[in-house]
């Protein structure tokens, strides 16, 4: 089970690379070291940030949005970002992981 940077478990977390276009997700943990964490903070995407997948291009490459900002992310980093559905959406429909399979 994935752990966030404070050691808490996230049973419903999945890789951002699996999120679909238009999906709204929340960053809950990182599967990388301090370098990944620093890079995402510099991009304005710390753990706890809500995102929307604006555009997907190929496996894992995507543009995500937060408020009025848009950030392009490569497949390598999207695989290291663990996300979950925001609390108010966890019980609604099919999960992005199931839809991607």
C-alpha atoms as a PDB file:
ATOM      1  CA  UNK A   1       0.000   0.000   0.000  1.00  0.00           C
ATOM      2  CA  UNK A   2       1.471   3.421  -0.940  1.00  0.00           C
ATOM      3  CA  UNK A   3       2.617   5.741   1.839  1.00  0.00           C
ATOM      4  CA  UNK A   4       2.623   9.509   1.729  1.00  0.00           C
ATOM      5  CA  UNK A   5       5.561  11.623   2.906  1.00  0.00           C
ATOM      6  CA  UNK A   6       4.272  11.360   6.500  1.00  0.00           C
ATOM      7  CA  UNK A   7       4.013   7.552   6.470  1.00  0.00           C
ATOM      8  CA  UNK A   8       0.210   7.409   6.132  1.00  0.00           C
ATOM      9  CA  UNK A   9      -1.273   4.657   3.964  1.00  0.00           C
ATOM     10  CA  UNK A  10      -3.395   5.387   0.901  1.00  0.00           C
ATOM     11  CA  UNK A  11      -5.396   2.296  -0.028  1.00  0.00           C
ATOM     12  CA  UNK A  12      -7.042   3.865  -3.085  1.00  0.00           C
ATOM     13  CA  UNK A  13      -3.957   5.594  -4.498  1.00  0.00           C
ATOM     14  CA  UNK A  14      -2.915   4.983  -8.096  1.00  0.00           C
ATOM     15  CA  UNK A  15      -0.313   6.422 -10.441  1.00  0.00           C
ATOM     16  CA  UNK A  16      -1.181   9.732 -12.101  1.00  0.00           C
ATOM     17  CA  UNK A  17      -0.100   8.066 -15.358  1.00  0.00           C
ATOM     18  CA  UNK A  18      -3.338   6.018 -15.197  1.00  0.00           C
ATOM     19  CA  UNK A  19      -5.680   8.999 -14.800  1.00  0.00           C
ATOM     20  CA  UNK A  20      -7.868   9.799 -17.766  1.00  0.00           C
ATOM     21  CA  UNK A  21      -8.305  13.058 -19.590  1.00  0.00           C
ATOM     22  CA  UNK A  22     -10.758  15.274 -17.699  1.00  0.00           C
ATOM     23  CA  UNK A  23     -10.228  13.320 -14.445  1.00  0.00           C
ATOM     24  CA  UNK A  24      -9.918  15.333 -11.216  1.00  0.00           C
ATOM     25  CA  UNK A  25      -7.473  13.850  -8.712  1.00  0.00           C
ATOM     26  CA  UNK A  26      -5.527  14.781  -5.556  1.00  0.00           C
ATOM     27  CA  UNK A  27      -1.793  14.141  -5.089  1.00  0.00           C
ATOM     28  CA  UNK A  28      -1.493  11.938  -1.984  1.00  0.00           C
ATOM     29  CA  UNK A  29       2.065  10.586  -2.127  1.00  0.00           C
ATOM     30  CA  UNK A  30       5.238  10.381  -4.187  1.00  0.00           C
ATOM     31  CA  UNK A  31       7.054   7.212  -5.182  1.00  0.00           C
ATOM     32  CA  UNK A  32      10.353   9.032  -5.595  1.00  0.00           C
ATOM     33  CA  UNK A  33      13.002  10.700  -3.523  1.00  0.00           C
ATOM     34  CA  UNK A  34      13.568  14.260  -2.400  1.00  0.00           C
ATOM     35  CA  UNK A  35      14.452  15.296  -5.957  1.00  0.00           C
ATOM     36  CA  UNK A  36      10.984  14.409  -7.225  1.00  0.00           C
ATOM     37  CA  UNK A  37       9.374  16.124  -4.248  1.00  0.00           C
ATOM     38  CA  UNK A  38      11.457  19.295  -4.767  1.00  0.00           C
ATOM     39  CA  UNK A  39      10.695  19.379  -8.504  1.00  0.00           C
ATOM     40  CA  UNK A  40       6.951  19.102  -7.914  1.00  0.00           C
ATOM     41  CA  UNK A  41       7.027  21.782  -5.209  1.00  0.00           C
ATOM     42  CA  UNK A  42       8.902  24.052  -7.618  1.00  0.00           C
ATOM     43  CA  UNK A  43       6.161  23.409 -10.201  1.00  0.00           C
ATOM     44  CA  UNK A  44       3.480  24.283  -7.625  1.00  0.00           C
ATOM     45  CA  UNK A  45       2.327  20.659  -7.219  1.00  0.00           C
ATOM     46  CA  UNK A  46       3.045  19.574  -3.630  1.00  0.00           C
ATOM     47  CA  UNK A  47       1.336  16.622  -1.940  1.00  0.00           C
ATOM     48  CA  UNK A  48      -2.282  17.594  -1.248  1.00  0.00           C
ATOM     49  CA  UNK A  49      -2.772  19.483  -4.521  1.00  0.00           C
ATOM     50  CA  UNK A  50      -5.969  18.903  -6.515  1.00  0.00           C
ATOM     51  CA  UNK A  51      -5.388  18.547 -10.258  1.00  0.00           C
ATOM     52  CA  UNK A  52      -7.317  18.045 -13.459  1.00  0.00           C
ATOM     53  CA  UNK A  53      -5.841  16.065 -16.352  1.00  0.00           C
ATOM     54  CA  UNK A  54      -6.245  18.531 -19.223  1.00  0.00           C
ATOM     55  CA  UNK A  55      -4.614  16.536 -22.023  1.00  0.00           C
ATOM     56  CA  UNK A  56      -2.959  13.122 -22.409  1.00  0.00           C
ATOM     57  CA  UNK A  57      -0.433  12.299 -25.091  1.00  0.00           C
ATOM     58  CA  UNK A  58       0.774   8.732 -25.242  1.00  0.00           C
ATOM     59  CA  UNK A  59       1.371   6.546 -22.204  1.00  0.00           C
ATOM     60  CA  UNK A  60       1.792   8.773 -19.162  1.00  0.00           C
ATOM     61  CA  UNK A  61       2.644  12.117 -20.778  1.00  0.00           C
ATOM     62  CA  UNK A  62       0.090  14.758 -19.907  1.00  0.00           C
ATOM     63  CA  UNK A  63      -0.796  18.354 -19.203  1.00  0.00           C
ATOM     64  CA  UNK A  64      -2.371  18.903 -15.790  1.00  0.00           C
ATOM     65  CA  UNK A  65      -4.104  21.991 -14.503  1.00  0.00           C
ATOM     66  CA  UNK A  66      -4.357  23.607 -11.098  1.00  0.00           C
ATOM     67  CA  UNK A  67      -6.392  26.787 -10.818  1.00  0.00           C
ATOM     68  CA  UNK A  68      -5.203  28.876 -13.797  1.00  0.00           C
ATOM     69  CA  UNK A  69      -1.842  27.139 -14.237  1.00  0.00           C
ATOM     70  CA  UNK A  70      -1.042  24.331 -16.682  1.00  0.00           C
ATOM     71  CA  UNK A  71       1.981  22.037 -16.325  1.00  0.00           C
ATOM     72  CA  UNK A  72       3.283  19.485 -18.833  1.00  0.00           C
ATOM     73  CA  UNK A  73       4.619  16.314 -17.195  1.00  0.00           C
ATOM     74  CA  UNK A  74       6.562  13.434 -18.726  1.00  0.00           C
ATOM     75  CA  UNK A  75       5.740   9.764 -18.284  1.00  0.00           C
ATOM     76  CA  UNK A  76       8.593   9.205 -15.827  1.00  0.00           C
ATOM     77  CA  UNK A  77       7.309  11.697 -13.288  1.00  0.00           C
ATOM     78  CA  UNK A  78       3.605  10.861 -13.732  1.00  0.00           C
ATOM     79  CA  UNK A  79       4.392   7.263 -12.749  1.00  0.00           C
ATOM     80  CA  UNK A  80       5.965   8.540  -9.503  1.00  0.00           C
ATOM     81  CA  UNK A  81       3.019  10.748  -8.509  1.00  0.00           C
ATOM     82  CA  UNK A  82       0.391   8.815  -6.553  1.00  0.00           C
ATOM     83  CA  UNK A  83      -3.104  10.260  -6.613  1.00  0.00           C
ATOM     84  CA  UNK A  84      -6.579   9.431  -5.402  1.00  0.00           C
ATOM     85  CA  UNK A  85     -10.028  10.690  -6.164  1.00  0.00           C
ATOM     86  CA  UNK A  86     -10.980  13.662  -3.992  1.00  0.00           C
ATOM     87  CA  UNK A  87     -13.006  12.650  -0.916  1.00  0.00           C
ATOM     88  CA  UNK A  88     -16.280  13.831  -2.412  1.00  0.00           C
ATOM     89  CA  UNK A  89     -15.853  11.597  -5.501  1.00  0.00           C
ATOM     90  CA  UNK A  90     -14.556   8.279  -4.122  1.00  0.00           C
ATOM     91  CA  UNK A  91     -17.933   6.578  -4.228  1.00  0.00           C
ATOM     92  CA  UNK A  92     -18.955   7.698  -7.702  1.00  0.00           C
ATOM     93  CA  UNK A  93     -18.628   5.218 -10.512  1.00  0.00           C
ATOM     94  CA  UNK A  94     -15.671   3.415 -12.013  1.00  0.00           C
ATOM     95  CA  UNK A  95     -12.170   4.189 -10.841  1.00  0.00           C
ATOM     96  CA  UNK A  96      -9.662   5.586 -13.379  1.00  0.00           C
ATOM     97  CA  UNK A  97      -7.495   2.502 -12.812  1.00  0.00           C
ATOM     98  CA  UNK A  98     -10.330   0.179 -13.882  1.00  0.00           C
ATOM     99  CA  UNK A  99     -11.189   2.394 -16.840  1.00  0.00           C
ATOM    100  CA  UNK A 100      -7.551   2.317 -18.038  1.00  0.00           C
ATOM    101  CA  UNK A 101      -7.430  -1.487 -18.118  1.00  0.00           C
END
